Amino acid sequence: ISEVLRLHERMSRKEAWNRSIEMLKMVGIPAPERRVLEYPHQLSG
């Protein structure tokens, strides 16, 4: 998610990472601070 933000929104690494957590929260993913660190195969469908 950070990569998209840094590419199009010119955000710093830290800003983009924080926005990624916000985005996961917005789409209803519980414990987003933990989920951002996970890989796709660790998530359910």
PDB file of all heavy atoms in Angstrom:
ATOM      1  N   ILE A   1       0.857  -1.195   0.000  1.00  0.00           N
ATOM      2  CA  ILE A   1       0.000   0.000   0.000  1.00  0.00           C
ATOM      3  C   ILE A   1       0.892   1.243   0.000  1.00  0.00           C
ATOM      4  O   ILE A   1       0.639   2.208  -0.720  1.00  0.00           O
ATOM      5  CB  ILE A   1      -0.958  -0.005   1.213  1.00  0.00           C
ATOM      6  CG1 ILE A   1      -1.840  -1.264   1.179  1.00  0.00           C
ATOM      7  CG2 ILE A   1      -1.834   1.246   1.209  1.00  0.00           C
ATOM      8  CD1 ILE A   1      -2.725  -1.450   2.391  1.00  0.00           C
ATOM      9  N   SER A   2       1.973   1.204   0.786  1.00  0.00           N
ATOM     10  CA  SER A   2       2.907   2.342   0.849  1.00  0.00           C
ATOM     11  C   SER A   2       3.471   2.692  -0.519  1.00  0.00           C
ATOM     12  O   SER A   2       3.629   3.856  -0.861  1.00  0.00           O
ATOM     13  CB  SER A   2       4.085   2.035   1.777  1.00  0.00           C
ATOM     14  OG  SER A   2       3.639   1.879   3.097  1.00  0.00           O
ATOM     15  N   GLU A   3       3.761   1.643  -1.298  1.00  0.00           N
ATOM     16  CA  GLU A   3       4.387   1.872  -2.597  1.00  0.00           C
ATOM     17  C   GLU A   3       3.490   2.729  -3.496  1.00  0.00           C
ATOM     18  O   GLU A   3       3.954   3.660  -4.163  1.00  0.00           O
ATOM     19  CB  GLU A   3       4.674   0.528  -3.278  1.00  0.00           C
ATOM     20  CG  GLU A   3       5.477   0.688  -4.547  1.00  0.00           C
ATOM     21  CD  GLU A   3       5.554  -0.595  -5.369  1.00  0.00           C
ATOM     22  OE1 GLU A   3       4.804  -1.553  -5.072  1.00  0.00           O
ATOM     23  OE2 GLU A   3       6.348  -0.616  -6.314  1.00  0.00           O
ATOM     24  N   VAL A   4       2.183   2.426  -3.484  1.00  0.00           N
ATOM     25  CA  VAL A   4       1.225   3.204  -4.290  1.00  0.00           C
ATOM     26  C   VAL A   4       1.237   4.662  -3.833  1.00  0.00           C
ATOM     27  O   VAL A   4       1.250   5.593  -4.642  1.00  0.00           O
ATOM     28  CB  VAL A   4      -0.204   2.616  -4.120  1.00  0.00           C
ATOM     29  CG1 VAL A   4      -1.207   3.390  -4.959  1.00  0.00           C
ATOM     30  CG2 VAL A   4      -0.234   1.145  -4.513  1.00  0.00           C
ATOM     31  N   LEU A   5       1.247   4.854  -2.516  1.00  0.00           N
ATOM     32  CA  LEU A   5       1.195   6.207  -1.959  1.00  0.00           C
ATOM     33  C   LEU A   5       2.471   6.983  -2.268  1.00  0.00           C
ATOM     34  O   LEU A   5       2.432   8.169  -2.581  1.00  0.00           O
ATOM     35  CB  LEU A   5       0.976   6.139  -0.453  1.00  0.00           C
ATOM     36  CG  LEU A   5      -0.425   5.663  -0.041  1.00  0.00           C
ATOM     37  CD1 LEU A   5      -0.430   5.212   1.415  1.00  0.00           C
ATOM     38  CD2 LEU A   5      -1.461   6.757  -0.262  1.00  0.00           C
ATOM     39  N   ARG A   6       3.607   6.308  -2.182  1.00  0.00           N
ATOM     40  CA  ARG A   6       4.876   7.008  -2.427  1.00  0.00           C
ATOM     41  C   ARG A   6       5.032   7.335  -3.903  1.00  0.00           C
ATOM     42  O   ARG A   6       5.590   8.361  -4.262  1.00  0.00           O
ATOM     43  CB  ARG A   6       6.035   6.165  -1.908  1.00  0.00           C
ATOM     44  CG  ARG A   6       5.970   6.055  -0.359  1.00  0.00           C
ATOM     45  CD  ARG A   6       7.088   5.262   0.215  1.00  0.00           C
ATOM     46  NE  ARG A   6       8.367   5.919  -0.066  1.00  0.00           N
ATOM     47  CZ  ARG A   6       9.541   5.302  -0.065  1.00  0.00           C
ATOM     48  NH1 ARG A   6       9.600   4.014   0.207  1.00  0.00           N
ATOM     49  NH2 ARG A   6      10.654   5.953  -0.321  1.00  0.00           N
ATOM     50  N   LEU A   7       4.497   6.463  -4.736  1.00  0.00           N
ATOM     51  CA  LEU A   7       4.573   6.695  -6.180  1.00  0.00           C
ATOM     52  C   LEU A   7       3.706   7.891  -6.590  1.00  0.00           C
ATOM     53  O   LEU A   7       4.154   8.776  -7.309  1.00  0.00           O
ATOM     54  CB  LEU A   7       4.097   5.433  -6.915  1.00  0.00           C
ATOM     55  CG  LEU A   7       4.039   5.514  -8.440  1.00  0.00           C
ATOM     56  CD1 LEU A   7       5.445   5.587  -9.033  1.00  0.00           C
ATOM     57  CD2 LEU A   7       3.300   4.308  -9.017  1.00  0.00           C
ATOM     58  N   HIS A   8       2.441   7.897  -6.119  1.00  0.00           N
ATOM     59  CA  HIS A   8       1.507   8.901  -6.625  1.00  0.00           C
ATOM     60  C   HIS A   8       1.369  10.127  -5.730  1.00  0.00           C
ATOM     61  O   HIS A   8       1.042  11.204  -6.185  1.00  0.00           O
ATOM     62  CB  HIS A   8       0.119   8.278  -6.807  1.00  0.00           C
ATOM     63  CG  HIS A   8       0.050   7.287  -7.921  1.00  0.00           C
ATOM     64  ND1 HIS A   8       0.271   7.626  -9.235  1.00  0.00           N
ATOM     65  CD2 HIS A   8      -0.224   5.958  -7.919  1.00  0.00           C
ATOM     66  CE1 HIS A   8       0.141   6.547  -9.997  1.00  0.00           C
ATOM     67  NE2 HIS A   8      -0.156   5.531  -9.228  1.00  0.00           N
ATOM     68  N   GLU A   9       1.578   9.954  -4.422  1.00  0.00           N
ATOM     69  CA  GLU A   9       1.312  11.061  -3.495  1.00  0.00           C
ATOM     70  C   GLU A   9       2.595  11.690  -2.944  1.00  0.00           C
ATOM     71  O   GLU A   9       2.544  12.569  -2.097  1.00  0.00           O
ATOM     72  CB  GLU A   9       0.449  10.570  -2.310  1.00  0.00           C
ATOM     73  CG  GLU A   9      -0.861   9.898  -2.704  1.00  0.00           C
ATOM     74  CD  GLU A   9      -1.965  10.899  -3.002  1.00  0.00           C
ATOM     75  OE1 GLU A   9      -1.712  12.109  -2.881  1.00  0.00           O
ATOM     76  OE2 GLU A   9      -3.077  10.475  -3.350  1.00  0.00           O
ATOM     77  N   ARG A  10       3.743  11.166  -3.398  1.00  0.00           N
ATOM     78  CA  ARG A  10       5.035  11.717  -2.959  1.00  0.00           C
ATOM     79  C   ARG A  10       5.151  11.793  -1.433  1.00  0.00           C
ATOM     80  O   ARG A  10       5.565  12.797  -0.877  1.00  0.00           O
ATOM     81  CB  ARG A  10       5.242  13.138  -3.516  1.00  0.00           C
ATOM     82  CG  ARG A  10       5.118  13.238  -5.026  1.00  0.00           C
ATOM     83  CD  ARG A  10       6.490  13.324  -5.673  1.00  0.00           C
ATOM     84  NE  ARG A  10       6.427  13.500  -7.108  1.00  0.00           N
ATOM     85  CZ  ARG A  10       6.388  12.487  -7.989  1.00  0.00           C
ATOM     86  NH1 ARG A  10       6.376  11.243  -7.560  1.00  0.00           N
ATOM     87  NH2 ARG A  10       6.360  12.723  -9.285  1.00  0.00           N
ATOM     88  N   MET A  11       4.732  10.730  -0.755  1.00  0.00           N
ATOM     89  CA  MET A  11       4.803  10.733   0.724  1.00  0.00           C
ATOM     90  C   MET A  11       6.144  10.163   1.169  1.00  0.00           C
ATOM     91  O   MET A  11       6.770   9.379   0.450  1.00  0.00           O
ATOM     92  CB  MET A  11       3.715   9.828   1.309  1.00  0.00           C
ATOM     93  CG  MET A  11       2.329  10.404   1.217  1.00  0.00           C
ATOM     94  SD  MET A  11       1.190   9.287   2.081  1.00  0.00           S
ATOM     95  CE  MET A  11      -0.303  10.245   1.961  1.00  0.00           C
ATOM     96  N   SER A  12       6.524  10.518   2.377  1.00  0.00           N
ATOM     97  CA  SER A  12       7.725   9.892   2.955  1.00  0.00           C
ATOM     98  C   SER A  12       7.358   8.459   3.348  1.00  0.00           C
ATOM     99  O   SER A  12       6.186   8.120   3.467  1.00  0.00           O
ATOM    100  CB  SER A  12       8.169  10.654   4.196  1.00  0.00           C
ATOM    101  OG  SER A  12       7.254  10.406   5.254  1.00  0.00           O
ATOM    102  N   ARG A  13       8.402   7.662   3.592  1.00  0.00           N
ATOM    103  CA  ARG A  13       8.181   6.261   3.965  1.00  0.00           C
ATOM    104  C   ARG A  13       7.271   6.165   5.195  1.00  0.00           C
ATOM    105  O   ARG A  13       6.347   5.361   5.239  1.00  0.00           O
ATOM    106  CB  ARG A  13       9.548   5.627   4.264  1.00  0.00           C
ATOM    107  CG  ARG A  13       9.548   4.135   4.386  1.00  0.00           C
ATOM    108  CD  ARG A  13      10.966   3.612   4.497  1.00  0.00           C
ATOM    109  NE  ARG A  13      11.654   3.637   3.199  1.00  0.00           N
ATOM    110  CZ  ARG A  13      11.614   2.619   2.319  1.00  0.00           C
ATOM    111  NH1 ARG A  13      10.937   1.531   2.602  1.00  0.00           N
ATOM    112  NH2 ARG A  13      12.254   2.697   1.172  1.00  0.00           N
ATOM    113  N   LYS A  14       7.552   7.029   6.190  1.00  0.00           N
ATOM    114  CA  LYS A  14       6.802   6.937   7.444  1.00  0.00           C
ATOM    115  C   LYS A  14       5.336   7.370   7.248  1.00  0.00           C
ATOM    116  O   LYS A  14       4.418   6.704   7.729  1.00  0.00           O
ATOM    117  CB  LYS A  14       7.473   7.807   8.514  1.00  0.00           C
ATOM    118  CG  LYS A  14       6.792   7.735   9.864  1.00  0.00           C
ATOM    119  CD  LYS A  14       7.798   7.863  11.000  1.00  0.00           C
ATOM    120  CE  LYS A  14       7.139   7.847  12.377  1.00  0.00           C
ATOM    121  NZ  LYS A  14       6.026   6.885  12.501  1.00  0.00           N
ATOM    122  N   GLU A  15       5.138   8.459   6.516  1.00  0.00           N
ATOM    123  CA  GLU A  15       3.767   8.925   6.244  1.00  0.00           C
ATOM    124  C   GLU A  15       2.968   7.839   5.530  1.00  0.00           C
ATOM    125  O   GLU A  15       1.818   7.563   5.861  1.00  0.00           O
ATOM    126  CB  GLU A  15       3.788  10.159   5.316  1.00  0.00           C
ATOM    127  CG  GLU A  15       4.159  11.461   5.969  1.00  0.00           C
ATOM    128  CD  GLU A  15       4.298  12.573   4.902  1.00  0.00           C
ATOM    129  OE1 GLU A  15       4.882  12.323   3.822  1.00  0.00           O
ATOM    130  OE2 GLU A  15       3.810  13.674   5.172  1.00  0.00           O
ATOM    131  N   ALA A  16       3.621   7.238   4.531  1.00  0.00           N
ATOM    132  CA  ALA A  16       2.933   6.231   3.733  1.00  0.00           C
ATOM    133  C   ALA A  16       2.577   5.017   4.586  1.00  0.00           C
ATOM    134  O   ALA A  16       1.504   4.436   4.459  1.00  0.00           O
ATOM    135  CB  ALA A  16       3.812   5.819   2.551  1.00  0.00           C
ATOM    136  N   TRP A  17       3.498   4.644   5.475  1.00  0.00           N
ATOM    137  CA  TRP A  17       3.253   3.484   6.344  1.00  0.00           C
ATOM    138  C   TRP A  17       2.061   3.765   7.266  1.00  0.00           C
ATOM    139  O   TRP A  17       1.179   2.922   7.434  1.00  0.00           O
ATOM    140  CB  TRP A  17       4.512   3.171   7.143  1.00  0.00           C
ATOM    141  CG  TRP A  17       4.406   1.881   7.906  1.00  0.00           C
ATOM    142  CD1 TRP A  17       4.068   1.732   9.213  1.00  0.00           C
ATOM    143  CD2 TRP A  17       4.608   0.556   7.388  1.00  0.00           C
ATOM    144  NE1 TRP A  17       4.061   0.385   9.557  1.00  0.00           N
ATOM    145  CE2 TRP A  17       4.390  -0.355   8.446  1.00  0.00           C
ATOM    146  CE3 TRP A  17       4.967   0.053   6.133  1.00  0.00           C
ATOM    147  CZ2 TRP A  17       4.508  -1.739   8.298  1.00  0.00           C
ATOM    148  CZ3 TRP A  17       5.086  -1.330   5.982  1.00  0.00           C
ATOM    149  CH2 TRP A  17       4.857  -2.211   7.052  1.00  0.00           C
ATOM    150  N   ASN A  18       2.027   4.981   7.831  1.00  0.00           N
ATOM    151  CA  ASN A  18       0.914   5.325   8.726  1.00  0.00           C
ATOM    152  C   ASN A  18      -0.411   5.362   7.974  1.00  0.00           C
ATOM    153  O   ASN A  18      -1.439   4.933   8.483  1.00  0.00           O
ATOM    154  CB  ASN A  18       1.167   6.673   9.425  1.00  0.00           C
ATOM    155  CG  ASN A  18       2.293   6.549  10.450  1.00  0.00           C
ATOM    156  OD1 ASN A  18       2.580   5.446  10.935  1.00  0.00           O
ATOM    157  ND2 ASN A  18       2.945   7.654  10.762  1.00  0.00           N
ATOM    158  N   ARG A  19      -0.360   5.892   6.735  1.00  0.00           N
ATOM    159  CA  ARG A  19      -1.585   5.942   5.933  1.00  0.00           C
ATOM    160  C   ARG A  19      -2.044   4.514   5.596  1.00  0.00           C
ATOM    161  O   ARG A  19      -3.230   4.229   5.545  1.00  0.00           O
ATOM    162  CB  ARG A  19      -1.359   6.762   4.660  1.00  0.00           C
ATOM    163  CG  ARG A  19      -2.474   6.658   3.628  1.00  0.00           C
ATOM    164  CD  ARG A  19      -3.728   7.454   3.966  1.00  0.00           C
ATOM    165  NE  ARG A  19      -3.550   8.848   3.642  1.00  0.00           N
ATOM    166  CZ  ARG A  19      -3.729   9.388   2.418  1.00  0.00           C
ATOM    167  NH1 ARG A  19      -4.100   8.636   1.417  1.00  0.00           N
ATOM    168  NH2 ARG A  19      -3.525  10.667   2.236  1.00  0.00           N
ATOM    169  N   SER A  20      -1.100   3.604   5.397  1.00  0.00           N
ATOM    170  CA  SER A  20      -1.455   2.210   5.099  1.00  0.00           C
ATOM    171  C   SER A  20      -2.234   1.597   6.256  1.00  0.00           C
ATOM    172  O   SER A  20      -3.217   0.878   6.051  1.00  0.00           O
ATOM    173  CB  SER A  20      -0.208   1.370   4.833  1.00  0.00           C
ATOM    174  OG  SER A  20       0.520   1.925   3.760  1.00  0.00           O
ATOM    175  N   ILE A  21      -1.799   1.914   7.464  1.00  0.00           N
ATOM    176  CA  ILE A  21      -2.514   1.403   8.651  1.00  0.00           C
ATOM    177  C   ILE A  21      -3.929   1.982   8.687  1.00  0.00           C
ATOM    178  O   ILE A  21      -4.903   1.263   8.912  1.00  0.00           O
ATOM    179  CB  ILE A  21      -1.736   1.745   9.941  1.00  0.00           C
ATOM    180  CG1 ILE A  21      -0.393   0.987   9.952  1.00  0.00           C
ATOM    181  CG2 ILE A  21      -2.556   1.400  11.189  1.00  0.00           C
ATOM    182  CD1 ILE A  21       0.559   1.363  11.068  1.00  0.00           C
ATOM    183  N   GLU A  22      -4.038   3.280   8.415  1.00  0.00           N
ATOM    184  CA  GLU A  22      -5.362   3.924   8.374  1.00  0.00           C
ATOM    185  C   GLU A  22      -6.264   3.276   7.331  1.00  0.00           C
ATOM    186  O   GLU A  22      -7.448   3.067   7.561  1.00  0.00           O
ATOM    187  CB  GLU A  22      -5.216   5.404   7.961  1.00  0.00           C
ATOM    188  CG  GLU A  22      -4.976   6.370   9.082  1.00  0.00           C
ATOM    189  CD  GLU A  22      -4.609   7.755   8.517  1.00  0.00           C
ATOM    190  OE1 GLU A  22      -5.310   8.233   7.591  1.00  0.00           O
ATOM    191  OE2 GLU A  22      -3.611   8.327   8.975  1.00  0.00           O
ATOM    192  N   MET A  23      -5.682   2.982   6.156  1.00  0.00           N
ATOM    193  CA  MET A  23      -6.476   2.389   5.076  1.00  0.00           C
ATOM    194  C   MET A  23      -7.003   1.006   5.481  1.00  0.00           C
ATOM    195  O   MET A  23      -8.150   0.680   5.236  1.00  0.00           O
ATOM    196  CB  MET A  23      -5.634   2.249   3.797  1.00  0.00           C
ATOM    197  CG  MET A  23      -5.245   3.538   3.114  1.00  0.00           C
ATOM    198  SD  MET A  23      -6.622   4.630   2.683  1.00  0.00           S
ATOM    199  CE  MET A  23      -7.572   3.598   1.578  1.00  0.00           C
ATOM    200  N   LEU A  24      -6.139   0.209   6.125  1.00  0.00           N
ATOM    201  CA  LEU A  24      -6.577  -1.130   6.540  1.00  0.00           C
ATOM    202  C   LEU A  24      -7.695  -1.028   7.578  1.00  0.00           C
ATOM    203  O   LEU A  24      -8.622  -1.831   7.603  1.00  0.00           O
ATOM    204  CB  LEU A  24      -5.406  -1.940   7.105  1.00  0.00           C
ATOM    205  CG  LEU A  24      -4.340  -2.369   6.099  1.00  0.00           C
ATOM    206  CD1 LEU A  24      -3.280  -3.226   6.778  1.00  0.00           C
ATOM    207  CD2 LEU A  24      -4.940  -3.138   4.919  1.00  0.00           C
ATOM    208  N   LYS A  25      -7.571   0.000   8.427  1.00  0.00           N
ATOM    209  CA  LYS A  25      -8.599   0.218   9.434  1.00  0.00           C
ATOM    210  C   LYS A  25      -9.916   0.604   8.743  1.00  0.00           C
ATOM    211  O   LYS A  25     -10.992   0.113   9.087  1.00  0.00           O
ATOM    212  CB  LYS A  25      -8.130   1.348  10.358  1.00  0.00           C
ATOM    213  CG  LYS A  25      -8.907   1.474  11.638  1.00  0.00           C
ATOM    214  CD  LYS A  25      -8.158   2.436  12.538  1.00  0.00           C
ATOM    215  CE  LYS A  25      -8.947   2.781  13.794  1.00  0.00           C
ATOM    216  NZ  LYS A  25      -8.156   3.717  14.614  1.00  0.00           N
ATOM    217  N   MET A  26      -9.801   1.463   7.738  1.00  0.00           N
ATOM    218  CA  MET A  26     -10.980   1.945   7.031  1.00  0.00           C
ATOM    219  C   MET A  26     -11.744   0.808   6.350  1.00  0.00           C
ATOM    220  O   MET A  26     -12.965   0.816   6.282  1.00  0.00           O
ATOM    221  CB  MET A  26     -10.570   2.985   5.991  1.00  0.00           C
ATOM    222  CG  MET A  26     -11.720   3.675   5.326  1.00  0.00           C
ATOM    223  SD  MET A  26     -11.148   4.973   4.215  1.00  0.00           S
ATOM    224  CE  MET A  26     -10.830   4.020   2.760  1.00  0.00           C
ATOM    225  N   VAL A  27     -11.029  -0.187   5.827  1.00  0.00           N
ATOM    226  CA  VAL A  27     -11.723  -1.296   5.167  1.00  0.00           C
ATOM    227  C   VAL A  27     -12.087  -2.414   6.154  1.00  0.00           C
ATOM    228  O   VAL A  27     -12.467  -3.508   5.756  1.00  0.00           O
ATOM    229  CB  VAL A  27     -10.910  -1.882   3.975  1.00  0.00           C
ATOM    230  CG1 VAL A  27     -10.705  -0.827   2.910  1.00  0.00           C
ATOM    231  CG2 VAL A  27      -9.577  -2.454   4.436  1.00  0.00           C
ATOM    232  N   GLY A  28     -11.964  -2.105   7.448  1.00  0.00           N
ATOM    233  CA  GLY A  28     -12.480  -3.029   8.462  1.00  0.00           C
ATOM    234  C   GLY A  28     -11.587  -4.214   8.770  1.00  0.00           C
ATOM    235  O   GLY A  28     -12.064  -5.281   9.150  1.00  0.00           O
ATOM    236  N   ILE A  29     -10.281  -4.046   8.615  1.00  0.00           N
ATOM    237  CA  ILE A  29      -9.363  -5.126   9.010  1.00  0.00           C
ATOM    238  C   ILE A  29      -8.987  -4.924  10.471  1.00  0.00           C
ATOM    239  O   ILE A  29      -8.460  -3.871  10.832  1.00  0.00           O
ATOM    240  CB  ILE A  29      -8.114  -5.153   8.101  1.00  0.00           C
ATOM    241  CG1 ILE A  29      -8.520  -5.654   6.716  1.00  0.00           C
ATOM    242  CG2 ILE A  29      -7.008  -6.006   8.693  1.00  0.00           C
ATOM    243  CD1 ILE A  29      -7.386  -5.848   5.735  1.00  0.00           C
ATOM    244  N   PRO A  30      -9.259  -5.906  11.328  1.00  0.00           N
ATOM    245  CA  PRO A  30      -8.931  -5.744  12.755  1.00  0.00           C
ATOM    246  C   PRO A  30      -7.413  -5.756  12.980  1.00  0.00           C
ATOM    247  O   PRO A  30      -6.671  -6.320  12.179  1.00  0.00           O
ATOM    248  CB  PRO A  30      -9.596  -6.951  13.425  1.00  0.00           C
ATOM    249  CG  PRO A  30      -9.888  -7.924  12.339  1.00  0.00           C
ATOM    250  CD  PRO A  30      -9.933  -7.182  11.040  1.00  0.00           C
ATOM    251  N   ALA A  31      -6.988  -5.109  14.053  1.00  0.00           N
ATOM    252  CA  ALA A  31      -5.558  -5.013  14.407  1.00  0.00           C
ATOM    253  C   ALA A  31      -4.688  -4.625  13.216  1.00  0.00           C
ATOM    254  O   ALA A  31      -3.728  -5.317  12.866  1.00  0.00           O
ATOM    255  CB  ALA A  31      -5.071  -6.338  15.014  1.00  0.00           C
ATOM    256  N   PRO A  32      -5.003  -3.484  12.546  1.00  0.00           N
ATOM    257  CA  PRO A  32      -4.263  -3.117  11.334  1.00  0.00           C
ATOM    258  C   PRO A  32      -2.773  -2.910  11.566  1.00  0.00           C
ATOM    259  O   PRO A  32      -1.971  -3.162  10.676  1.00  0.00           O
ATOM    260  CB  PRO A  32      -4.947  -1.826  10.876  1.00  0.00           C
ATOM    261  CG  PRO A  32      -5.685  -1.299  12.058  1.00  0.00           C
ATOM    262  CD  PRO A  32      -6.048  -2.485  12.882  1.00  0.00           C
ATOM    263  N   GLU A  33      -2.394  -2.481  12.791  1.00  0.00           N
ATOM    264  CA  GLU A  33      -0.962  -2.251  13.057  1.00  0.00           C
ATOM    265  C   GLU A  33      -0.191  -3.556  12.917  1.00  0.00           C
ATOM    266  O   GLU A  33       0.990  -3.562  12.561  1.00  0.00           O
ATOM    267  CB  GLU A  33      -0.726  -1.711  14.481  1.00  0.00           C
ATOM    268  CG  GLU A  33      -1.375  -0.381  14.789  1.00  0.00           C
ATOM    269  CD  GLU A  33      -2.886  -0.496  15.085  1.00  0.00           C
ATOM    270  OE1 GLU A  33      -3.423  -1.650  15.142  1.00  0.00           O
ATOM    271  OE2 GLU A  33      -3.525   0.556  15.231  1.00  0.00           O
ATOM    272  N   ARG A  34      -0.868  -4.676  13.205  1.00  0.00           N
ATOM    273  CA  ARG A  34      -0.197  -5.965  13.085  1.00  0.00           C
ATOM    274  C   ARG A  34      -0.281  -6.483  11.645  1.00  0.00           C
ATOM    275  O   ARG A  34       0.661  -7.052  11.114  1.00  0.00           O
ATOM    276  CB  ARG A  34      -0.851  -6.964  14.045  1.00  0.00           C
ATOM    277  CG  ARG A  34       0.040  -8.167  14.335  1.00  0.00           C
ATOM    278  CD  ARG A  34      -0.579  -9.114  15.335  1.00  0.00           C
ATOM    279  NE  ARG A  34      -1.631  -9.929  14.750  1.00  0.00           N
ATOM    280  CZ  ARG A  34      -2.876  -9.995  15.215  1.00  0.00           C
ATOM    281  NH1 ARG A  34      -3.238  -9.301  16.275  1.00  0.00           N
ATOM    282  NH2 ARG A  34      -3.779 -10.770  14.630  1.00  0.00           N
ATOM    283  N   ARG A  35      -1.441  -6.252  11.029  1.00  0.00           N
ATOM    284  CA  ARG A  35      -1.673  -6.788   9.673  1.00  0.00           C
ATOM    285  C   ARG A  35      -0.758  -6.178   8.621  1.00  0.00           C
ATOM    286  O   ARG A  35      -0.424  -6.838   7.640  1.00  0.00           O
ATOM    287  CB  ARG A  35      -3.132  -6.562   9.249  1.00  0.00           C
ATOM    288  CG  ARG A  35      -4.135  -7.319  10.092  1.00  0.00           C
ATOM    289  CD  ARG A  35      -4.057  -8.803   9.839  1.00  0.00           C
ATOM    290  NE  ARG A  35      -5.145  -9.495  10.523  1.00  0.00           N
ATOM    291  CZ  ARG A  35      -5.321 -10.801  10.515  1.00  0.00           C
ATOM    292  NH1 ARG A  35      -4.454 -11.565   9.880  1.00  0.00           N
ATOM    293  NH2 ARG A  35      -6.320 -11.353  11.151  1.00  0.00           N
ATOM    294  N   VAL A  36      -0.375  -4.903   8.808  1.00  0.00           N
ATOM    295  CA  VAL A  36       0.505  -4.288   7.790  1.00  0.00           C
ATOM    296  C   VAL A  36       1.817  -5.045   7.660  1.00  0.00           C
ATOM    297  O   VAL A  36       2.465  -4.993   6.624  1.00  0.00           O
ATOM    298  CB  VAL A  36       0.855  -2.798   8.082  1.00  0.00           C
ATOM    299  CG1 VAL A  36      -0.219  -1.869   7.608  1.00  0.00           C
ATOM    300  CG2 VAL A  36       1.220  -2.574   9.528  1.00  0.00           C
ATOM    301  N   LEU A  37       2.193  -5.742   8.718  1.00  0.00           N
ATOM    302  CA  LEU A  37       3.482  -6.451   8.711  1.00  0.00           C
ATOM    303  C   LEU A  37       3.360  -7.845   8.089  1.00  0.00           C
ATOM    304  O   LEU A  37       4.357  -8.529   7.887  1.00  0.00           O
ATOM    305  CB  LEU A  37       4.011  -6.592  10.143  1.00  0.00           C
ATOM    306  CG  LEU A  37       4.299  -5.258  10.842  1.00  0.00           C
ATOM    307  CD1 LEU A  37       4.432  -5.444  12.348  1.00  0.00           C
ATOM    308  CD2 LEU A  37       5.552  -4.617  10.262  1.00  0.00           C
ATOM    309  N   GLU A  38       2.117  -8.262   7.803  1.00  0.00           N
ATOM    310  CA  GLU A  38       1.931  -9.629   7.312  1.00  0.00           C
ATOM    311  C   GLU A  38       2.043  -9.707   5.792  1.00  0.00           C
ATOM    312  O   GLU A  38       1.974  -8.697   5.099  1.00  0.00           O
ATOM    313  CB  GLU A  38       0.571 -10.164   7.784  1.00  0.00           C
ATOM    314  CG  GLU A  38       0.547 -10.326   9.299  1.00  0.00           C
ATOM    315  CD  GLU A  38      -0.702 -11.027   9.819  1.00  0.00           C
ATOM    316  OE1 GLU A  38      -1.687 -11.141   9.068  1.00  0.00           O
ATOM    317  OE2 GLU A  38      -0.678 -11.466  10.976  1.00  0.00           O
ATOM    318  N   TYR A  39       2.206 -10.942   5.328  1.00  0.00           N
ATOM    319  CA  TYR A  39       2.293 -11.209   3.889  1.00  0.00           C
ATOM    320  C   TYR A  39       0.931 -11.727   3.410  1.00  0.00           C
ATOM    321  O   TYR A  39       0.175 -12.276   4.208  1.00  0.00           O
ATOM    322  CB  TYR A  39       3.381 -12.259   3.627  1.00  0.00           C
ATOM    323  CG  TYR A  39       4.760 -11.733   3.940  1.00  0.00           C
ATOM    324  CD1 TYR A  39       5.296 -11.837   5.232  1.00  0.00           C
ATOM    325  CD2 TYR A  39       5.507 -11.096   2.952  1.00  0.00           C
ATOM    326  CE1 TYR A  39       6.548 -11.315   5.529  1.00  0.00           C
ATOM    327  CE2 TYR A  39       6.766 -10.573   3.244  1.00  0.00           C
ATOM    328  CZ  TYR A  39       7.279 -10.680   4.528  1.00  0.00           C
ATOM    329  OH  TYR A  39       8.514 -10.156   4.807  1.00  0.00           O
ATOM    330  N   PRO A  40       0.630 -11.577   2.121  1.00  0.00           N
ATOM    331  CA  PRO A  40      -0.686 -11.976   1.625  1.00  0.00           C
ATOM    332  C   PRO A  40      -1.129 -13.376   2.060  1.00  0.00           C
ATOM    333  O   PRO A  40      -2.291 -13.577   2.411  1.00  0.00           O
ATOM    334  CB  PRO A  40      -0.531 -11.881   0.103  1.00  0.00           C
ATOM    335  CG  PRO A  40       0.450 -10.771  -0.087  1.00  0.00           C
ATOM    336  CD  PRO A  40       1.425 -10.910   1.051  1.00  0.00           C
ATOM    337  N   HIS A  41      -0.214 -14.347   2.040  1.00  0.00           N
ATOM    338  CA  HIS A  41      -0.651 -15.721   2.358  1.00  0.00           C
ATOM    339  C   HIS A  41      -1.075 -15.874   3.814  1.00  0.00           C
ATOM    340  O   HIS A  41      -1.689 -16.870   4.184  1.00  0.00           O
ATOM    341  CB  HIS A  41       0.449 -16.740   2.003  1.00  0.00           C
ATOM    342  CG  HIS A  41       1.635 -16.657   2.915  1.00  0.00           C
ATOM    343  ND1 HIS A  41       2.755 -15.903   2.608  1.00  0.00           N
ATOM    344  CD2 HIS A  41       1.874 -17.214   4.135  1.00  0.00           C
ATOM    345  CE1 HIS A  41       3.624 -16.009   3.601  1.00  0.00           C
ATOM    346  NE2 HIS A  41       3.119 -16.796   4.537  1.00  0.00           N
ATOM    347  N   GLN A  42      -0.745 -14.870   4.646  1.00  0.00           N
ATOM    348  CA  GLN A  42      -1.133 -14.968   6.055  1.00  0.00           C
ATOM    349  C   GLN A  42      -2.558 -14.468   6.294  1.00  0.00           C
ATOM    350  O   GLN A  42      -3.083 -14.598   7.387  1.00  0.00           O
ATOM    351  CB  GLN A  42      -0.142 -14.177   6.922  1.00  0.00           C
ATOM    352  CG  GLN A  42       1.260 -14.796   6.921  1.00  0.00           C
ATOM    353  CD  GLN A  42       2.269 -13.910   7.648  1.00  0.00           C
ATOM    354  OE1 GLN A  42       2.717 -12.889   7.130  1.00  0.00           O
ATOM    355  NE2 GLN A  42       2.606 -14.292   8.865  1.00  0.00           N
ATOM    356  N   LEU A  43      -3.157 -13.888   5.260  1.00  0.00           N
ATOM    357  CA  LEU A  43      -4.520 -13.363   5.415  1.00  0.00           C
ATOM    358  C   LEU A  43      -5.533 -14.328   4.808  1.00  0.00           C
ATOM    359  O   LEU A  43      -5.221 -15.037   3.858  1.00  0.00           O
ATOM    360  CB  LEU A  43      -4.644 -12.013   4.691  1.00  0.00           C
ATOM    361  CG  LEU A  43      -3.674 -10.890   5.049  1.00  0.00           C
ATOM    362  CD1 LEU A  43      -3.969  -9.665   4.187  1.00  0.00           C
ATOM    363  CD2 LEU A  43      -3.790 -10.521   6.518  1.00  0.00           C
ATOM    364  N   SER A  44      -6.750 -14.306   5.339  1.00  0.00           N
ATOM    365  CA  SER A  44      -7.830 -15.107   4.747  1.00  0.00           C
ATOM    366  C   SER A  44      -8.261 -14.454   3.433  1.00  0.00           C
ATOM    367  O   SER A  44      -7.917 -13.307   3.163  1.00  0.00           O
ATOM    368  CB  SER A  44      -9.022 -15.134   5.700  1.00  0.00           C
ATOM    369  OG  SER A  44      -9.588 -13.823   5.753  1.00  0.00           O
ATOM    370  N   GLY A  45      -9.066 -15.180   2.652  1.00  0.00           N
ATOM    371  CA  GLY A  45      -9.551 -14.653   1.369  1.00  0.00           C
ATOM    372  C   GLY A  45     -10.263 -13.316   1.509  1.00  0.00           C
ATOM    373  O   GLY A  45      -9.993 -12.365   0.767  1.00  0.00           O
TER     374      GLY A  45
END
